[in-house]
């Protein structure tokens, strides 16, 4: 018997770090963003269908995210067409992981878990959260976007308070030690419940 745990959280909340903490506890982790990278890489399953729909997006045999961003900016109708290609392939990748994983707890790291309806396929959900000023400081430390770009992304995402209210568990990622302790407690809780089932 395996337990499917959906992991989500807004930009800069510490989701990737928290996913690693679950892996430390012996959970198997599937990462939606990593799945897309695999699909877009040279030889990936998305390359051929994307070439048919958006030939200019293929650079050196792989799907270029930078070109896709430009296409979406120029044509808002492009995003649904991209999603029609990518979403079924991501779902296949996720189901393959689910079928092949040997751990008792499978963690599905999905940024849009609630927005995309993925929570319905999980046994429980966990949201990572941090104070707004910590969130912004973390993103700014990466040096990959301006404060304005960060705010645009954050404002498009489901509000943190709503994610917390929907989740079965909330992990506050103020410090790595605190996050690790909460992850350990959640894993222990799930494993105890699986023994009783």
Protein backbone atom coordinates (compact mmCIF):
# COMPACT_ATOMS: atom_id res chain seq x y z
CA UNK A 1 0.00 0.00 0.00
CA UNK A 2 1.30 3.44 -0.91
CA UNK A 3 0.21 6.88 0.22
CA UNK A 4 0.08 9.79 -2.27
CA UNK A 5 0.94 13.16 -0.72
CA UNK A 6 0.55 16.30 -2.84
CA UNK A 7 3.12 19.01 -2.03
CA UNK A 8 2.55 22.60 -3.10
CA UNK A 9 3.39 26.19 -2.21
CA UNK A 10 3.79 29.55 -3.87
CA UNK A 11 7.04 30.89 -5.34
CA UNK A 12 9.81 31.33 -2.75
CA UNK A 13 8.04 29.37 -0.01
CA UNK A 14 10.65 26.59 0.18
CA UNK A 15 8.88 23.80 -1.70
CA UNK A 16 12.01 22.33 -3.35
CA UNK A 17 13.89 22.27 -0.05
CA UNK A 18 10.90 20.65 1.67
CA UNK A 19 10.68 18.00 -1.08
CA UNK A 20 14.31 17.07 -0.28
CA UNK A 21 13.40 16.77 3.41
CA UNK A 22 10.66 14.26 2.50
CA UNK A 23 13.22 12.32 0.43
CA UNK A 24 15.50 12.22 3.52
CA UNK A 25 12.61 10.47 5.33
CA UNK A 26 12.53 7.70 2.71
CA UNK A 27 9.68 9.10 0.60
CA UNK A 28 9.85 8.95 -3.19
CA UNK A 29 9.45 12.40 -4.76
CA UNK A 30 8.03 13.25 -8.19
CA UNK A 31 8.65 16.82 -9.34
CA UNK A 32 6.27 18.30 -11.96
CA UNK A 33 8.81 20.93 -13.10
CA UNK A 34 11.51 18.29 -13.53
CA UNK A 35 9.06 16.19 -15.57
CA UNK A 36 8.50 19.14 -17.94
CA UNK A 37 12.28 19.59 -18.27
CA UNK A 38 12.60 15.90 -19.24
CA UNK A 39 9.79 16.23 -21.80
CA UNK A 40 11.34 19.39 -23.32
CA UNK A 41 14.91 18.04 -23.45
CA UNK A 42 16.41 16.70 -26.67
CA UNK A 43 14.71 13.34 -27.32
CA UNK A 44 11.92 14.18 -24.85
CA UNK A 45 8.35 13.16 -25.61
CA UNK A 46 7.16 16.77 -26.08
CA UNK A 47 9.68 17.68 -28.79
CA UNK A 48 7.88 16.15 -31.81
CA UNK A 49 4.35 17.36 -31.01
CA UNK A 50 5.70 20.83 -30.14
CA UNK A 51 7.66 20.96 -33.39
CA UNK A 52 4.43 20.25 -35.29
CA UNK A 53 2.57 23.07 -33.47
CA UNK A 54 5.36 25.61 -32.79
CA UNK A 55 8.37 24.82 -35.02
CA UNK A 56 10.15 28.02 -33.93
CA UNK A 57 10.19 26.78 -30.31
CA UNK A 58 12.61 23.93 -31.13
CA UNK A 59 16.23 24.98 -30.63
CA UNK A 60 19.07 22.43 -30.93
CA UNK A 61 16.58 19.56 -30.87
CA UNK A 62 14.93 20.65 -27.59
CA UNK A 63 11.95 22.82 -26.67
CA UNK A 64 13.16 26.31 -25.71
CA UNK A 65 11.27 27.72 -22.70
CA UNK A 66 12.55 31.20 -23.58
CA UNK A 67 11.01 30.98 -27.07
CA UNK A 68 7.76 29.58 -25.62
CA UNK A 69 7.55 32.57 -23.25
CA UNK A 70 7.88 34.93 -26.23
CA UNK A 71 5.22 32.99 -28.17
CA UNK A 72 2.80 33.16 -25.20
CA UNK A 73 3.45 36.91 -24.76
CA UNK A 74 2.68 37.55 -28.42
CA UNK A 75 -0.31 35.20 -28.62
CA UNK A 76 -2.42 34.51 -25.50
CA UNK A 77 -4.14 31.68 -27.41
CA UNK A 78 -0.84 29.77 -27.56
CA UNK A 79 -0.88 28.73 -23.89
CA UNK A 80 -3.94 26.43 -24.12
CA UNK A 81 -2.40 24.81 -27.22
CA UNK A 82 0.87 24.20 -25.34
CA UNK A 83 -1.03 22.82 -22.34
CA UNK A 84 -2.98 20.41 -24.58
CA UNK A 85 0.34 18.93 -25.68
CA UNK A 86 2.20 18.99 -22.36
CA UNK A 87 -0.41 18.14 -19.71
CA UNK A 88 -1.19 14.60 -20.96
CA UNK A 89 2.57 13.87 -21.23
CA UNK A 90 3.16 15.13 -17.68
CA UNK A 91 0.26 12.96 -16.47
CA UNK A 92 1.85 9.92 -18.17
CA UNK A 93 5.20 10.68 -16.52
CA UNK A 94 3.47 11.00 -13.11
CA UNK A 95 1.58 7.71 -13.51
CA UNK A 96 4.76 5.91 -14.59
CA UNK A 97 6.46 7.16 -11.41
CA UNK A 98 3.47 6.03 -9.33
CA UNK A 99 3.59 2.53 -10.90
CA UNK A 100 7.36 2.10 -10.52
CA UNK A 101 8.05 3.72 -7.11
CA UNK A 102 8.77 1.34 -4.23
CA UNK A 103 8.51 3.76 -1.26
CA UNK A 104 5.50 3.68 1.06
CA UNK A 105 4.88 7.45 0.73
CA UNK A 106 4.94 9.09 -2.70
CA UNK A 107 5.32 12.87 -2.65
CA UNK A 108 4.05 14.73 -5.72
CA UNK A 109 5.69 18.18 -5.92
CA UNK A 110 3.14 20.12 -8.01
CA UNK A 111 3.17 23.95 -8.04
CA UNK A 112 -0.46 24.22 -9.26
CA UNK A 113 -1.80 21.30 -7.19
CA UNK A 114 -5.03 23.05 -6.16
CA UNK A 115 -5.43 25.23 -9.27
CA UNK A 116 -5.11 22.24 -11.62
CA UNK A 117 -7.38 19.88 -9.67
CA UNK A 118 -4.49 17.55 -8.78
CA UNK A 119 -5.44 17.48 -5.09
CA UNK A 120 -8.33 15.14 -5.94
CA UNK A 121 -5.80 12.43 -6.94
CA UNK A 122 -3.95 12.64 -3.59
CA UNK A 123 -4.57 10.93 -0.25
CA UNK A 124 -3.55 14.17 1.50
CA UNK A 125 -2.02 17.54 0.65
CA UNK A 126 0.65 19.71 2.24
CA UNK A 127 1.34 23.40 1.61
CA UNK A 128 4.65 25.07 2.45
CA UNK A 129 4.39 28.61 3.74
CA UNK A 130 6.55 31.44 5.03
CA UNK A 131 5.94 35.09 5.94
CA UNK A 132 5.52 37.36 2.87
CA UNK A 133 8.76 39.26 3.54
CA UNK A 134 10.73 35.98 3.79
CA UNK A 135 9.13 34.79 0.55
CA UNK A 136 10.15 37.95 -1.34
CA UNK A 137 13.66 38.01 0.15
CA UNK A 138 14.27 34.38 -0.94
CA UNK A 139 13.19 35.06 -4.51
CA UNK A 140 15.27 38.27 -4.71
CA UNK A 141 18.35 36.37 -3.41
CA UNK A 142 18.16 34.09 -6.47
CA UNK A 143 18.92 37.10 -8.67
CA UNK A 144 16.77 35.77 -11.51
CA UNK A 145 13.95 38.36 -11.51
CA UNK A 146 13.03 41.89 -10.55
CA UNK A 147 10.70 42.70 -7.63
CA UNK A 148 8.05 43.61 -10.21
CA UNK A 149 8.37 40.20 -11.97
CA UNK A 150 8.16 38.44 -8.61
CA UNK A 151 4.97 40.31 -7.70
CA UNK A 152 3.41 39.50 -11.09
CA UNK A 153 4.07 35.78 -10.57
CA UNK A 154 2.90 35.85 -6.94
CA UNK A 155 -0.29 37.70 -7.83
CA UNK A 156 -1.18 35.10 -10.49
CA UNK A 157 -0.86 32.27 -7.97
CA UNK A 158 -3.57 31.18 -5.56
CA UNK A 159 -3.11 33.23 -2.35
CA UNK A 160 -1.01 31.55 0.33
CA UNK A 161 -3.86 31.81 2.87
CA UNK A 162 -6.19 29.91 0.53
CA UNK A 163 -3.60 27.19 -0.09
CA UNK A 164 -3.10 26.81 3.67
CA UNK A 165 -6.86 26.55 4.26
CA UNK A 166 -7.22 23.83 1.60
CA UNK A 167 -4.24 21.72 2.69
CA UNK A 168 -4.37 18.81 5.14
CA UNK A 169 -0.94 19.83 6.47
CA UNK A 170 0.94 23.14 6.52
CA UNK A 171 4.73 23.35 6.87
CA UNK A 172 6.16 26.69 8.00
CA UNK A 173 9.58 27.02 6.35
CA UNK A 174 11.01 29.80 8.54
CA UNK A 175 14.12 27.68 9.29
CA UNK A 176 15.41 24.42 7.83
CA UNK A 177 15.40 22.80 11.29
CA UNK A 178 11.76 23.73 11.88
CA UNK A 179 10.78 22.48 8.40
CA UNK A 180 12.66 19.19 8.97
CA UNK A 181 10.88 18.66 12.30
CA UNK A 182 7.44 19.25 10.70
CA UNK A 183 8.21 16.91 7.79
CA UNK A 184 9.27 14.20 10.25
CA UNK A 185 6.01 14.64 12.17
CA UNK A 186 3.88 14.43 8.99
CA UNK A 187 5.70 11.30 7.78
CA UNK A 188 5.31 9.67 11.21
CA UNK A 189 1.61 10.61 11.22
CA UNK A 190 1.02 9.13 7.75
CA UNK A 191 2.97 5.94 8.53
CA UNK A 192 1.03 5.46 11.78
CA UNK A 193 -2.23 5.84 9.85
CA UNK A 194 -1.07 3.31 7.23
CA UNK A 195 -0.33 0.76 9.99
CA UNK A 196 -3.85 1.20 11.36
CA UNK A 197 -5.50 0.91 7.95
